[in-house]
Every structure is written in structure tokens, then in C-alpha cells.
């Protein structure tokens, strides 16, 4: 199974697979609206505006698993992102990224790009909001960026894949 085979539900409730993103560079991010890292939305939007025409898609997956920092409804999340950060990249419904109920896409992402940080031997679970997975135009998961890596630091890796 590859990345394009996975289904996800858009904010409007529409179930979709990821085939519309074939041939694009993807940055898949679990997000939250009430997190210290929430300002990363601004950097993500800037990347999207800068590189969308060259083939970048950013896919946001709001998640309430870390400190209950995404408590609102899908509609509230979408409004927050639009009003506060001008987000125009695709957002999906709130998603579970860890544990037995983790979305299959996130199980796949973690398998393809395991945790690389300290401590050595740590599990591959998502550690916090704003973990980012970079996927090349062929659907290969290239790398995983942990939450503290800000969008501008990812820009050279994105440019390389474009």
C-alpha cells in the first residue's frame, strides 16, 4: 500500500483518498490551535503560498491528542486557521495519530519515517503537535521533522524535491 491509497475526511466531511496529490511534493502535518507551536501555521502558509505553483501541497491534520490543544469542532478549527493565519492549504477532520485508534495514514507515515531523535530507541509515536512528514512526487516518505523544526528550516528540503 502506498500513500495515495489512504482515505481521509476533509473538513466538510467528504471522504477522499490522496490520489489528487499524485505528482506533488507533500508536507503532512498534525496541527493544533491552542499549542505553543500554533504560530507555525504562519510559516506553513508562507511555504504553501511560495511553492504551491511549483507542486507543493501541505495537508493539515488537526489532532487533540497532545494536551487537548485542539478541542474545537472541525468548523471552529477551520475558522481559527483562516482568521488567525490565513490558512488556505487543505485541512482534514480532527485525526488520531497515536495509539490503537491511530489513522492508518499516520501508522504508515510513522513506519516509513521512524523517530530519529533522542533518546535512542524511543518509539516511533508522534511526540507532539506539528510533527511534519515530507513526501516526494512519487509518494515516497522522505523524512520526518519533529515539532521544534519550524517551516522555514524545511524549505531547503522542499526546494530540493520540487
N, C-alpha and C. Protein backbone atom coordinates (compact mmCIF):
# COMPACT_ATOMS: atom_id res chain seq x y z
N UNK A 1 0.85 -1.19 0.00
CA UNK A 1 0.00 0.00 0.00
C UNK A 1 0.89 1.25 0.00
N UNK A 2 0.50 2.24 -0.79
CA UNK A 2 1.26 3.47 -0.86
C UNK A 2 0.44 4.65 -0.34
N UNK A 3 1.07 5.78 -0.26
CA UNK A 3 0.46 6.96 0.34
C UNK A 3 -0.84 7.37 -0.34
N UNK A 4 -0.94 7.13 -1.66
CA UNK A 4 -2.13 7.57 -2.39
C UNK A 4 -3.34 6.66 -2.16
N UNK A 5 -3.13 5.53 -1.53
CA UNK A 5 -4.22 4.59 -1.26
C UNK A 5 -5.01 4.94 -0.01
N UNK A 6 -4.50 5.84 0.81
CA UNK A 6 -5.16 6.15 2.07
C UNK A 6 -6.34 7.10 1.87
N UNK A 7 -7.34 6.91 2.70
CA UNK A 7 -8.54 7.75 2.71
C UNK A 7 -8.45 8.70 3.90
N UNK A 8 -8.98 9.87 3.74
CA UNK A 8 -9.08 10.83 4.85
C UNK A 8 -10.31 11.68 4.61
N UNK A 9 -10.85 12.20 5.67
CA UNK A 9 -12.07 13.00 5.58
C UNK A 9 -11.71 14.48 5.66
N UNK A 10 -12.12 15.24 4.63
CA UNK A 10 -11.90 16.68 4.61
C UNK A 10 -12.77 17.35 5.67
N UNK A 11 -12.52 18.61 5.95
CA UNK A 11 -13.27 19.34 6.96
C UNK A 11 -14.77 19.37 6.68
N UNK A 12 -15.13 19.30 5.42
CA UNK A 12 -16.55 19.32 5.06
C UNK A 12 -17.21 17.94 5.18
N UNK A 13 -16.44 16.95 5.68
CA UNK A 13 -16.97 15.60 5.87
C UNK A 13 -16.80 14.70 4.67
N UNK A 14 -16.30 15.24 3.56
CA UNK A 14 -16.12 14.44 2.35
C UNK A 14 -14.93 13.50 2.51
N UNK A 15 -15.19 12.21 2.29
CA UNK A 15 -14.12 11.21 2.32
C UNK A 15 -13.39 11.28 0.99
N UNK A 16 -12.07 11.28 1.04
CA UNK A 16 -11.27 11.36 -0.18
C UNK A 16 -10.02 10.51 0.01
N UNK A 17 -9.48 10.05 -1.09
CA UNK A 17 -8.17 9.42 -0.99
C UNK A 17 -7.13 10.47 -1.37
N UNK A 18 -5.88 10.09 -1.35
CA UNK A 18 -4.83 11.08 -1.60
C UNK A 18 -4.38 11.09 -3.05
N UNK A 19 -5.09 10.38 -3.95
CA UNK A 19 -4.68 10.35 -5.36
C UNK A 19 -4.65 11.73 -6.02
N UNK A 20 -5.50 12.69 -5.61
CA UNK A 20 -5.38 14.01 -6.24
C UNK A 20 -4.00 14.67 -6.03
N UNK A 21 -3.23 14.13 -5.10
CA UNK A 21 -1.93 14.72 -4.79
C UNK A 21 -0.77 14.00 -5.47
N UNK A 22 -1.09 13.03 -6.34
CA UNK A 22 -0.03 12.35 -7.10
C UNK A 22 0.77 13.37 -7.88
N UNK A 23 2.09 13.20 -7.87
CA UNK A 23 2.96 14.10 -8.60
C UNK A 23 3.29 15.38 -7.86
N UNK A 24 2.77 15.52 -6.65
CA UNK A 24 3.04 16.70 -5.83
C UNK A 24 4.03 16.34 -4.72
N UNK A 25 4.73 17.35 -4.23
CA UNK A 25 5.51 17.20 -3.00
C UNK A 25 4.54 17.51 -1.87
N UNK A 26 4.47 16.62 -0.89
CA UNK A 26 3.53 16.79 0.22
C UNK A 26 4.27 17.06 1.52
N UNK A 27 3.71 17.94 2.32
CA UNK A 27 4.14 18.12 3.70
C UNK A 27 2.89 17.85 4.53
N UNK A 28 2.92 16.74 5.27
CA UNK A 28 1.77 16.30 6.05
C UNK A 28 2.06 16.62 7.51
N UNK A 29 1.14 17.37 8.14
CA UNK A 29 1.40 17.92 9.47
C UNK A 29 0.21 17.67 10.39
N UNK A 30 0.49 17.19 11.63
CA UNK A 30 -0.58 17.16 12.64
C UNK A 30 -0.53 18.50 13.37
N UNK A 31 -1.67 19.16 13.45
CA UNK A 31 -1.72 20.54 13.92
C UNK A 31 -2.59 20.67 15.17
N UNK A 32 -2.51 21.83 15.81
CA UNK A 32 -3.36 22.16 16.96
C UNK A 32 -3.46 23.68 17.07
N UNK A 33 -4.61 24.15 17.50
CA UNK A 33 -4.89 25.58 17.55
C UNK A 33 -4.51 26.26 18.86
N UNK A 34 -4.31 25.49 19.92
CA UNK A 34 -4.03 26.08 21.23
C UNK A 34 -2.69 25.59 21.79
N UNK A 35 -1.72 25.52 20.94
CA UNK A 35 -0.40 24.98 21.29
C UNK A 35 0.62 26.11 21.19
N UNK A 36 1.68 25.99 21.94
CA UNK A 36 2.77 26.95 21.83
C UNK A 36 3.38 26.98 20.43
N UNK A 37 3.18 25.90 19.67
CA UNK A 37 3.72 25.82 18.32
C UNK A 37 2.72 26.28 17.25
N UNK A 38 1.52 26.66 17.66
CA UNK A 38 0.48 27.07 16.72
C UNK A 38 0.95 28.15 15.74
N UNK A 39 1.81 29.09 16.14
CA UNK A 39 2.29 30.07 15.16
C UNK A 39 2.99 29.45 13.94
N UNK A 40 3.31 28.15 14.00
CA UNK A 40 3.89 27.51 12.82
C UNK A 40 2.92 27.52 11.64
N UNK A 41 1.62 27.69 11.91
CA UNK A 41 0.66 27.82 10.82
C UNK A 41 1.10 28.93 9.86
N UNK A 42 1.61 30.02 10.41
CA UNK A 42 2.04 31.16 9.59
C UNK A 42 3.14 30.74 8.62
N UNK A 43 4.14 30.02 9.14
CA UNK A 43 5.23 29.56 8.29
C UNK A 43 4.79 28.52 7.27
N UNK A 44 3.87 27.65 7.69
CA UNK A 44 3.34 26.66 6.75
C UNK A 44 2.60 27.35 5.61
N UNK A 45 1.79 28.33 5.95
CA UNK A 45 1.05 29.07 4.92
C UNK A 45 2.00 29.79 3.98
N UNK A 46 3.07 30.35 4.52
CA UNK A 46 4.06 31.05 3.68
C UNK A 46 4.70 30.07 2.70
N UNK A 47 5.07 28.88 3.19
CA UNK A 47 5.62 27.85 2.29
C UNK A 47 4.62 27.51 1.19
N UNK A 48 3.38 27.34 1.59
CA UNK A 48 2.32 26.97 0.64
C UNK A 48 2.17 28.04 -0.44
N UNK A 49 2.14 29.29 -0.03
CA UNK A 49 1.99 30.38 -0.99
C UNK A 49 3.20 30.48 -1.91
N UNK A 50 4.38 30.22 -1.38
CA UNK A 50 5.61 30.34 -2.15
C UNK A 50 5.78 29.21 -3.16
N UNK A 51 5.42 27.98 -2.78
CA UNK A 51 5.76 26.82 -3.59
C UNK A 51 4.58 26.05 -4.17
N UNK A 52 3.37 26.48 -3.90
CA UNK A 52 2.21 25.73 -4.40
C UNK A 52 2.23 25.61 -5.92
N UNK A 53 2.52 26.69 -6.60
CA UNK A 53 2.53 26.68 -8.07
C UNK A 53 3.62 25.76 -8.63
N UNK A 54 4.63 25.46 -7.80
CA UNK A 54 5.70 24.55 -8.23
C UNK A 54 5.39 23.10 -7.85
N UNK A 55 4.27 22.87 -7.15
CA UNK A 55 3.88 21.50 -6.87
C UNK A 55 3.87 21.10 -5.41
N UNK A 56 3.92 22.04 -4.48
CA UNK A 56 3.86 21.71 -3.06
C UNK A 56 2.40 21.71 -2.59
N UNK A 57 2.04 20.70 -1.84
CA UNK A 57 0.77 20.66 -1.12
C UNK A 57 1.06 20.42 0.35
N UNK A 58 0.43 21.18 1.19
CA UNK A 58 0.53 20.97 2.63
C UNK A 58 -0.82 20.43 3.08
N UNK A 59 -0.80 19.34 3.80
CA UNK A 59 -2.02 18.71 4.29
C UNK A 59 -2.02 18.77 5.81
N UNK A 60 -2.97 19.50 6.37
CA UNK A 60 -3.06 19.67 7.81
C UNK A 60 -4.07 18.70 8.43
N UNK A 61 -3.64 18.03 9.47
CA UNK A 61 -4.49 17.09 10.20
C UNK A 61 -4.58 17.52 11.66
N UNK A 62 -5.57 18.33 12.01
CA UNK A 62 -5.73 18.74 13.41
C UNK A 62 -5.86 17.51 14.31
N UNK A 63 -5.26 17.62 15.50
CA UNK A 63 -5.22 16.50 16.43
C UNK A 63 -5.35 17.01 17.86
N UNK A 64 -6.16 16.33 18.64
CA UNK A 64 -6.40 16.75 20.03
C UNK A 64 -5.71 15.82 21.03
N UNK A 65 -4.75 15.03 20.60
CA UNK A 65 -4.11 14.04 21.47
C UNK A 65 -3.04 14.60 22.40
N UNK A 66 -2.58 15.80 22.15
CA UNK A 66 -1.46 16.32 22.92
C UNK A 66 -1.93 17.50 23.75
N UNK A 67 -2.16 17.28 25.02
CA UNK A 67 -2.58 18.33 25.93
C UNK A 67 -3.95 18.91 25.61
N UNK A 68 -4.78 18.14 24.88
CA UNK A 68 -6.12 18.60 24.50
C UNK A 68 -6.07 20.01 23.90
N UNK A 69 -5.09 20.23 23.00
CA UNK A 69 -4.86 21.56 22.45
C UNK A 69 -5.59 21.82 21.13
N UNK A 70 -6.49 20.91 20.79
CA UNK A 70 -7.35 21.11 19.62
C UNK A 70 -8.77 20.69 19.99
N UNK A 71 -9.39 21.42 20.95
CA UNK A 71 -10.68 20.99 21.50
C UNK A 71 -11.90 21.34 20.65
N UNK A 72 -11.77 22.25 19.71
CA UNK A 72 -12.94 22.73 18.97
C UNK A 72 -13.48 21.74 17.96
N UNK A 73 -14.61 22.10 17.39
CA UNK A 73 -15.18 21.31 16.30
C UNK A 73 -14.34 21.52 15.05
N UNK A 74 -14.57 20.70 14.04
CA UNK A 74 -13.85 20.88 12.78
C UNK A 74 -14.10 22.26 12.20
N UNK A 75 -15.32 22.73 12.30
CA UNK A 75 -15.66 24.05 11.77
C UNK A 75 -14.91 25.15 12.53
N UNK A 76 -14.85 25.01 13.86
CA UNK A 76 -14.13 26.01 14.67
C UNK A 76 -12.64 26.01 14.34
N UNK A 77 -12.08 24.83 14.15
CA UNK A 77 -10.66 24.73 13.79
C UNK A 77 -10.41 25.43 12.46
N UNK A 78 -11.24 25.14 11.48
CA UNK A 78 -11.06 25.72 10.16
C UNK A 78 -11.18 27.25 10.22
N UNK A 79 -12.16 27.75 10.94
CA UNK A 79 -12.33 29.20 11.09
C UNK A 79 -11.13 29.83 11.78
N UNK A 80 -10.66 29.20 12.85
CA UNK A 80 -9.50 29.71 13.59
C UNK A 80 -8.30 29.84 12.65
N UNK A 81 -8.04 28.79 11.87
CA UNK A 81 -6.88 28.79 10.98
C UNK A 81 -6.99 29.86 9.91
N UNK A 82 -8.19 30.03 9.38
CA UNK A 82 -8.39 31.02 8.32
C UNK A 82 -8.28 32.43 8.87
N UNK A 83 -8.96 32.70 9.98
CA UNK A 83 -9.00 34.05 10.53
C UNK A 83 -7.64 34.47 11.10
N UNK A 84 -6.98 33.59 11.84
CA UNK A 84 -5.75 33.97 12.53
C UNK A 84 -4.48 33.82 11.69
N UNK A 85 -4.48 32.88 10.75
CA UNK A 85 -3.25 32.61 10.00
C UNK A 85 -3.45 32.62 8.48
N UNK A 86 -4.66 32.88 8.02
CA UNK A 86 -4.92 32.93 6.59
C UNK A 86 -4.72 31.61 5.88
N UNK A 87 -4.90 30.51 6.60
CA UNK A 87 -4.62 29.18 6.05
C UNK A 87 -5.53 28.88 4.86
N UNK A 88 -4.89 28.55 3.74
CA UNK A 88 -5.62 28.13 2.55
C UNK A 88 -5.25 26.71 2.12
N UNK A 89 -4.25 26.12 2.76
CA UNK A 89 -3.91 24.73 2.40
C UNK A 89 -4.97 23.79 2.97
N UNK A 90 -5.11 22.59 2.39
CA UNK A 90 -6.16 21.67 2.80
C UNK A 90 -6.03 21.22 4.26
N UNK A 91 -7.16 21.28 4.94
CA UNK A 91 -7.25 20.76 6.31
C UNK A 91 -8.23 19.59 6.31
N UNK A 92 -7.91 18.60 7.08
CA UNK A 92 -8.74 17.41 7.20
C UNK A 92 -9.39 17.40 8.58
N UNK A 93 -10.35 16.50 8.77
CA UNK A 93 -11.00 16.41 10.07
C UNK A 93 -10.00 16.05 11.15
N UNK A 94 -10.36 16.37 12.38
CA UNK A 94 -9.50 16.02 13.51
C UNK A 94 -9.17 14.54 13.44
N UNK A 95 -7.90 14.25 13.69
CA UNK A 95 -7.35 12.93 13.43
C UNK A 95 -6.58 12.41 14.64
N UNK A 96 -6.71 11.13 14.90
CA UNK A 96 -5.92 10.46 15.93
C UNK A 96 -4.63 9.98 15.25
N UNK A 97 -3.48 10.32 15.82
CA UNK A 97 -2.19 9.99 15.19
C UNK A 97 -1.40 8.92 15.95
N UNK A 98 -1.76 8.64 17.18
CA UNK A 98 -1.06 7.65 18.00
C UNK A 98 -2.05 6.67 18.61
N UNK A 99 -1.50 5.53 19.03
CA UNK A 99 -2.30 4.56 19.76
C UNK A 99 -3.06 3.62 18.84
N UNK A 100 -3.88 2.77 19.46
CA UNK A 100 -4.60 1.75 18.69
C UNK A 100 -5.61 2.31 17.70
N UNK A 101 -6.08 3.53 17.93
CA UNK A 101 -7.05 4.15 17.03
C UNK A 101 -6.40 5.13 16.05
N UNK A 102 -5.07 5.08 15.94
CA UNK A 102 -4.37 5.99 15.03
C UNK A 102 -4.88 5.79 13.60
N UNK A 103 -5.02 6.90 12.90
CA UNK A 103 -5.44 6.85 11.49
C UNK A 103 -4.43 6.01 10.71
N UNK A 104 -4.90 5.16 9.80
CA UNK A 104 -3.97 4.32 9.01
C UNK A 104 -2.89 5.12 8.29
N UNK A 105 -3.21 6.33 7.82
CA UNK A 105 -2.19 7.16 7.17
C UNK A 105 -1.06 7.44 8.14
N UNK A 106 -1.38 7.77 9.38
CA UNK A 106 -0.34 8.09 10.35
C UNK A 106 0.45 6.85 10.78
N UNK A 107 -0.19 5.72 10.81
CA UNK A 107 0.56 4.47 11.08
C UNK A 107 1.60 4.27 9.97
N UNK A 108 1.17 4.48 8.74
CA UNK A 108 2.05 4.33 7.59
C UNK A 108 3.20 5.34 7.64
N UNK A 109 2.88 6.60 7.87
CA UNK A 109 3.91 7.64 7.92
C UNK A 109 4.97 7.31 8.97
N UNK A 110 4.53 6.88 10.16
CA UNK A 110 5.48 6.57 11.24
C UNK A 110 6.33 5.36 10.89
N UNK A 111 5.77 4.42 10.16
CA UNK A 111 6.51 3.24 9.74
C UNK A 111 7.57 3.62 8.69
N UNK A 112 7.19 4.50 7.78
CA UNK A 112 8.09 4.90 6.71
C UNK A 112 9.18 5.87 7.15
N UNK A 113 8.89 6.68 8.16
CA UNK A 113 9.85 7.67 8.66
C UNK A 113 9.85 7.63 10.18
N UNK A 114 10.55 6.65 10.74
CA UNK A 114 10.57 6.49 12.20
C UNK A 114 11.22 7.67 12.90
N UNK A 115 10.94 7.77 14.19
CA UNK A 115 11.53 8.80 15.04
C UNK A 115 13.05 8.68 15.01
N UNK A 116 13.75 9.80 14.81
CA UNK A 116 15.22 9.79 14.70
C UNK A 116 15.92 10.50 15.84
N UNK A 117 15.18 11.00 16.80
CA UNK A 117 15.78 11.82 17.84
C UNK A 117 16.20 11.03 19.06
N UNK A 118 16.51 11.76 20.10
CA UNK A 118 16.88 11.19 21.39
C UNK A 118 15.62 11.02 22.23
N UNK A 119 15.56 10.10 23.13
CA UNK A 119 16.60 9.12 23.38
C UNK A 119 16.60 8.03 22.32
N UNK A 120 17.78 7.48 22.10
CA UNK A 120 17.92 6.41 21.13
C UNK A 120 17.01 5.26 21.54
N UNK A 121 16.37 4.68 20.56
CA UNK A 121 15.48 3.57 20.85
C UNK A 121 14.08 3.99 21.26
N UNK A 122 13.80 5.31 21.24
CA UNK A 122 12.45 5.78 21.58
C UNK A 122 11.47 5.24 20.55
N UNK A 123 10.23 5.08 20.95
CA UNK A 123 9.24 4.57 20.00
C UNK A 123 9.00 5.58 18.88
N UNK A 124 8.29 5.14 17.87
CA UNK A 124 8.09 5.97 16.68
C UNK A 124 6.83 6.81 16.75
N UNK A 125 6.16 6.82 17.90
CA UNK A 125 4.93 7.60 18.03
C UNK A 125 5.21 9.08 17.78
N UNK A 126 4.18 9.79 17.35
CA UNK A 126 4.26 11.24 17.19
C UNK A 126 4.47 11.81 18.59
N UNK A 127 5.43 12.70 18.74
CA UNK A 127 5.78 13.22 20.06
C UNK A 127 4.94 14.42 20.49
N UNK A 128 4.47 15.22 19.52
CA UNK A 128 3.70 16.41 19.86
C UNK A 128 3.09 16.97 18.59
N UNK A 129 2.35 18.06 18.75
CA UNK A 129 1.75 18.76 17.61
C UNK A 129 2.85 19.27 16.67
N UNK A 130 2.49 19.38 15.41
CA UNK A 130 3.35 19.93 14.37
C UNK A 130 4.54 19.05 14.02
N UNK A 131 4.36 17.73 14.12
CA UNK A 131 5.30 16.79 13.51
C UNK A 131 4.99 16.81 12.01
N UNK A 132 6.04 16.85 11.20
CA UNK A 132 5.86 17.04 9.76
C UNK A 132 6.52 15.90 8.99
N UNK A 133 5.81 15.38 7.99
CA UNK A 133 6.34 14.33 7.12
C UNK A 133 6.43 14.89 5.71
N UNK A 134 7.61 14.76 5.10
CA UNK A 134 7.84 15.24 3.74
C UNK A 134 7.77 14.05 2.79
N UNK A 135 6.96 14.18 1.75
CA UNK A 135 6.72 13.11 0.78
C UNK A 135 7.10 13.63 -0.60
N UNK A 136 7.85 12.82 -1.36
CA UNK A 136 8.28 13.27 -2.69
C UNK A 136 7.17 13.08 -3.73
N UNK A 137 7.44 13.50 -4.94
CA UNK A 137 6.44 13.47 -6.02
C UNK A 137 5.99 12.07 -6.38
N UNK A 138 6.76 11.06 -5.99
CA UNK A 138 6.41 9.67 -6.28
C UNK A 138 5.69 9.00 -5.12
N UNK A 139 5.40 9.76 -4.07
CA UNK A 139 4.68 9.21 -2.94
C UNK A 139 5.56 8.55 -1.89
N UNK A 140 6.87 8.72 -1.99
CA UNK A 140 7.79 8.16 -1.00
C UNK A 140 7.93 9.12 0.18
N UNK A 141 7.80 8.58 1.39
CA UNK A 141 8.00 9.39 2.58
C UNK A 141 9.51 9.58 2.72
N UNK A 142 9.97 10.81 2.57
CA UNK A 142 11.39 11.11 2.52
C UNK A 142 11.97 11.28 3.93
N UNK A 143 11.29 12.06 4.76
CA UNK A 143 11.82 12.32 6.10
C UNK A 143 10.71 12.82 7.02
N UNK A 144 11.05 12.84 8.28
CA UNK A 144 10.16 13.30 9.34
C UNK A 144 10.85 14.44 10.07
N UNK A 145 10.11 15.51 10.29
CA UNK A 145 10.63 16.65 11.03
C UNK A 145 9.85 16.73 12.34
N UNK A 146 10.56 16.76 13.43
CA UNK A 146 9.92 16.82 14.74
C UNK A 146 9.34 18.22 14.99
N UNK A 147 8.48 18.36 15.98
CA UNK A 147 7.73 19.60 16.19
C UNK A 147 8.55 20.87 16.28
N UNK A 148 9.73 20.82 16.87
CA UNK A 148 10.53 22.02 17.04
C UNK A 148 11.15 22.55 15.76
N UNK A 149 11.10 21.77 14.69
CA UNK A 149 11.64 22.22 13.41
C UNK A 149 10.59 23.12 12.76
N UNK A 150 10.94 24.39 12.60
CA UNK A 150 9.99 25.36 12.06
C UNK A 150 9.94 25.25 10.54
N UNK A 151 8.82 25.66 9.94
CA UNK A 151 8.68 25.52 8.49
C UNK A 151 9.83 26.10 7.67
N UNK A 152 10.37 27.23 8.05
CA UNK A 152 11.46 27.82 7.26
C UNK A 152 12.69 26.90 7.20
N UNK A 153 12.88 26.09 8.23
CA UNK A 153 14.01 25.15 8.24
C UNK A 153 13.79 23.98 7.29
N UNK A 154 12.55 23.75 6.90
CA UNK A 154 12.21 22.66 5.99
C UNK A 154 12.32 23.11 4.54
N UNK A 155 12.30 24.40 4.32
CA UNK A 155 12.26 24.96 2.97
C UNK A 155 13.35 24.39 2.05
N UNK A 156 14.61 24.27 2.47
CA UNK A 156 15.61 23.70 1.55
C UNK A 156 15.28 22.27 1.12
N UNK A 157 14.73 21.48 2.02
CA UNK A 157 14.36 20.10 1.66
C UNK A 157 13.21 20.10 0.66
N UNK A 158 12.28 21.02 0.81
CA UNK A 158 11.15 21.13 -0.11
C UNK A 158 11.68 21.55 -1.50
N UNK A 159 12.51 22.57 -1.53
CA UNK A 159 13.06 23.06 -2.81
C UNK A 159 13.80 21.93 -3.55
N UNK A 160 14.53 21.12 -2.80
CA UNK A 160 15.27 20.01 -3.40
C UNK A 160 14.33 19.02 -4.10
N UNK A 161 13.16 18.78 -3.52
CA UNK A 161 12.22 17.83 -4.10
C UNK A 161 11.39 18.42 -5.23
N UNK A 162 11.26 19.74 -5.23
CA UNK A 162 10.48 20.38 -6.30
C UNK A 162 11.29 20.41 -7.59
